[in-house]
Amino acid sequence: MAAGDGGPVWGSGAVTDVATTVPCPTCRRPVLWGPEARFRPFCSERCRLIDLGEWLTEGHVIPEPFEGSMPDNGTEDRWNLGDQPSSPDRSR
């Protein structure tokens, strides 16, 4: 790995970490990834709040799985709390 690409630097027997940068998800500016980056992965509080606003107004969403997209492995039975009818016995 070359110096500056975020990987380890091999020198005189010692391995040191090179500062890693990531693009801000909102404005794409480089953000130093480390404890000193107060708003990481964002470059600023402004970009963090813009992203939060997108989630709150449903500009960003996590899609729900559509019917038939998940394999039926019987795991729904473990969530049955007893006040609903249980699913049919599948052992037959």
C-alpha atoms as a PDB file:
ATOM      1  CA  MET A   1       0.000   0.000   0.000  1.00  0.00           C
ATOM      2  CA  ALA A   2       1.203   3.461  -0.758  1.00  0.00           C
ATOM      3  CA  ALA A   3       1.465   6.249   1.770  1.00  0.00           C
ATOM      4  CA  GLY A   4      -1.608   8.438   1.874  1.00  0.00           C
ATOM      5  CA  ASP A   5      -4.128   5.817   0.771  1.00  0.00           C
ATOM      6  CA  GLY A   6      -5.351   5.110   4.285  1.00  0.00           C
ATOM      7  CA  GLY A   7      -3.434   1.869   4.755  1.00  0.00           C
ATOM      8  CA  PRO A   8      -0.498   1.067   7.031  1.00  0.00           C
ATOM      9  CA  VAL A   9       2.915   2.552   6.302  1.00  0.00           C
ATOM     10  CA  TRP A  10       5.772   0.110   6.335  1.00  0.00           C
ATOM     11  CA  GLY A  11       8.999   1.758   7.354  1.00  0.00           C
ATOM     12  CA  SER A  12      11.929   0.790   9.492  1.00  0.00           C
ATOM     13  CA  GLY A  13      10.173  -2.128  11.127  1.00  0.00           C
ATOM     14  CA  ALA A  14       7.317  -0.068  12.575  1.00  0.00           C
ATOM     15  CA  VAL A  15       3.751   0.076  11.324  1.00  0.00           C
ATOM     16  CA  THR A  16       1.924   3.365  11.780  1.00  0.00           C
ATOM     17  CA  ASP A  17      -1.601   4.353  10.817  1.00  0.00           C
ATOM     18  CA  VAL A  18      -2.039   6.936   8.115  1.00  0.00           C
ATOM     19  CA  ALA A  19      -4.875   9.404   8.569  1.00  0.00           C
ATOM     20  CA  THR A  20      -7.925   8.154   6.706  1.00  0.00           C
ATOM     21  CA  THR A  21     -10.312  10.549   5.064  1.00  0.00           C
ATOM     22  CA  VAL A  22     -13.873   9.837   3.984  1.00  0.00           C
ATOM     23  CA  PRO A  23     -16.230  12.025   1.957  1.00  0.00           C
ATOM     24  CA  CYS A  24     -18.945  13.849   3.886  1.00  0.00           C
ATOM     25  CA  PRO A  25     -22.245  12.124   2.977  1.00  0.00           C
ATOM     26  CA  THR A  26     -23.928  15.507   2.457  1.00  0.00           C
ATOM     27  CA  CYS A  27     -21.425  17.763   0.671  1.00  0.00           C
ATOM     28  CA  ARG A  28     -18.660  15.267  -0.280  1.00  0.00           C
ATOM     29  CA  ARG A  29     -15.860  17.323   1.367  1.00  0.00           C
ATOM     30  CA  PRO A  30     -13.054  15.157   2.795  1.00  0.00           C
ATOM     31  CA  VAL A  31     -13.413  14.420   6.516  1.00  0.00           C
ATOM     32  CA  LEU A  32     -10.517  13.156   8.603  1.00  0.00           C
ATOM     33  CA  TRP A  33     -11.716   9.912  10.220  1.00  0.00           C
ATOM     34  CA  GLY A  34     -10.644  10.052  13.823  1.00  0.00           C
ATOM     35  CA  PRO A  35     -11.688  11.093  17.317  1.00  0.00           C
ATOM     36  CA  GLU A  36     -10.942  14.745  16.507  1.00  0.00           C
ATOM     37  CA  ALA A  37     -13.667  14.755  13.813  1.00  0.00           C
ATOM     38  CA  ARG A  38     -16.512  15.905  16.045  1.00  0.00           C
ATOM     39  CA  PHE A  39     -19.329  15.368  13.515  1.00  0.00           C
ATOM     40  CA  ARG A  40     -17.999  12.349  11.626  1.00  0.00           C
ATOM     41  CA  PRO A  41     -18.880  11.091   9.116  1.00  0.00           C
ATOM     42  CA  PHE A  42     -20.083  14.637   8.398  1.00  0.00           C
ATOM     43  CA  CYS A  43     -17.758  17.609   7.979  1.00  0.00           C
ATOM     44  CA  SER A  44     -19.871  19.953  10.107  1.00  0.00           C
ATOM     45  CA  GLU A  45     -22.956  20.249  12.269  1.00  0.00           C
ATOM     46  CA  ARG A  46     -24.716  21.870   9.312  1.00  0.00           C
ATOM     47  CA  CYS A  47     -24.224  18.774   7.120  1.00  0.00           C
ATOM     48  CA  ARG A  48     -25.257  16.514  10.020  1.00  0.00           C
ATOM     49  CA  LEU A  49     -28.496  18.469  10.472  1.00  0.00           C
ATOM     50  CA  ILE A  50     -29.223  18.472   6.740  1.00  0.00           C
ATOM     51  CA  ASP A  51     -28.945  14.666   6.765  1.00  0.00           C
ATOM     52  CA  LEU A  52     -31.119  14.400   9.881  1.00  0.00           C
ATOM     53  CA  GLY A  53     -33.751  16.551   8.173  1.00  0.00           C
ATOM     54  CA  GLU A  54     -33.739  14.200   5.182  1.00  0.00           C
ATOM     55  CA  TRP A  55     -34.483  11.241   7.476  1.00  0.00           C
ATOM     56  CA  LEU A  56     -37.193  13.129   9.384  1.00  0.00           C
ATOM     57  CA  THR A  57     -38.993  14.201   6.200  1.00  0.00           C
ATOM     58  CA  GLU A  58     -38.581  10.694   4.758  1.00  0.00           C
ATOM     59  CA  GLY A  59     -36.217  11.856   2.040  1.00  0.00           C
ATOM     60  CA  HIS A  60     -34.076   8.923   3.176  1.00  0.00           C
ATOM     61  CA  VAL A  61     -35.906   5.703   4.015  1.00  0.00           C
ATOM     62  CA  ILE A  62     -35.019   2.093   4.650  1.00  0.00           C
ATOM     63  CA  PRO A  63     -37.332   0.108   2.389  1.00  0.00           C
ATOM     64  CA  GLU A  64     -39.491  -2.568   3.931  1.00  0.00           C
ATOM     65  CA  PRO A  65     -39.055  -6.034   2.476  1.00  0.00           C
ATOM     66  CA  PHE A  66     -41.748  -6.772  -0.063  1.00  0.00           C
ATOM     67  CA  GLU A  67     -43.922  -9.896   0.018  1.00  0.00           C
ATOM     68  CA  GLY A  68     -41.859 -12.952  -0.847  1.00  0.00           C
ATOM     69  CA  SER A  69     -38.474 -11.269  -0.527  1.00  0.00           C
ATOM     70  CA  MET A  70     -37.555 -13.022   2.721  1.00  0.00           C
ATOM     71  CA  PRO A  71     -37.251 -16.797   2.950  1.00  0.00           C
ATOM     72  CA  ASP A  72     -39.903 -18.408   5.155  1.00  0.00           C
ATOM     73  CA  ASN A  73     -37.875 -20.310   7.730  1.00  0.00           C
ATOM     74  CA  GLY A  74     -40.462 -20.405  10.507  1.00  0.00           C
ATOM     75  CA  THR A  75     -38.866 -17.687  12.649  1.00  0.00           C
ATOM     76  CA  GLU A  76     -42.132 -15.747  12.913  1.00  0.00           C
ATOM     77  CA  ASP A  77     -43.361 -18.309  15.449  1.00  0.00           C
ATOM     78  CA  ARG A  78     -40.860 -17.125  18.067  1.00  0.00           C
ATOM     79  CA  TRP A  79     -42.564 -13.714  18.096  1.00  0.00           C
ATOM     80  CA  ASN A  80     -46.014 -15.138  18.832  1.00  0.00           C
ATOM     81  CA  LEU A  81     -47.010 -13.701  22.213  1.00  0.00           C
ATOM     82  CA  GLY A  82     -49.846 -16.113  22.790  1.00  0.00           C
ATOM     83  CA  ASP A  83     -52.694 -13.633  22.327  1.00  0.00           C
ATOM     84  CA  GLN A  84     -52.847 -14.334  18.610  1.00  0.00           C
ATOM     85  CA  PRO A  85     -53.609 -17.623  16.926  1.00  0.00           C
ATOM     86  CA  SER A  86     -50.440 -19.545  16.212  1.00  0.00           C
ATOM     87  CA  SER A  87     -49.428 -20.442  12.694  1.00  0.00           C
ATOM     88  CA  PRO A  88     -50.313 -23.916  11.377  1.00  0.00           C
ATOM     89  CA  ASP A  89     -48.072 -26.814  12.287  1.00  0.00           C
ATOM     90  CA  ARG A  90     -45.501 -27.179   9.507  1.00  0.00           C
ATOM     91  CA  SER A  91     -44.021 -30.475  10.718  1.00  0.00           C
ATOM     92  CA  ARG A  92     -46.470 -32.589   8.695  1.00  0.00           C
END
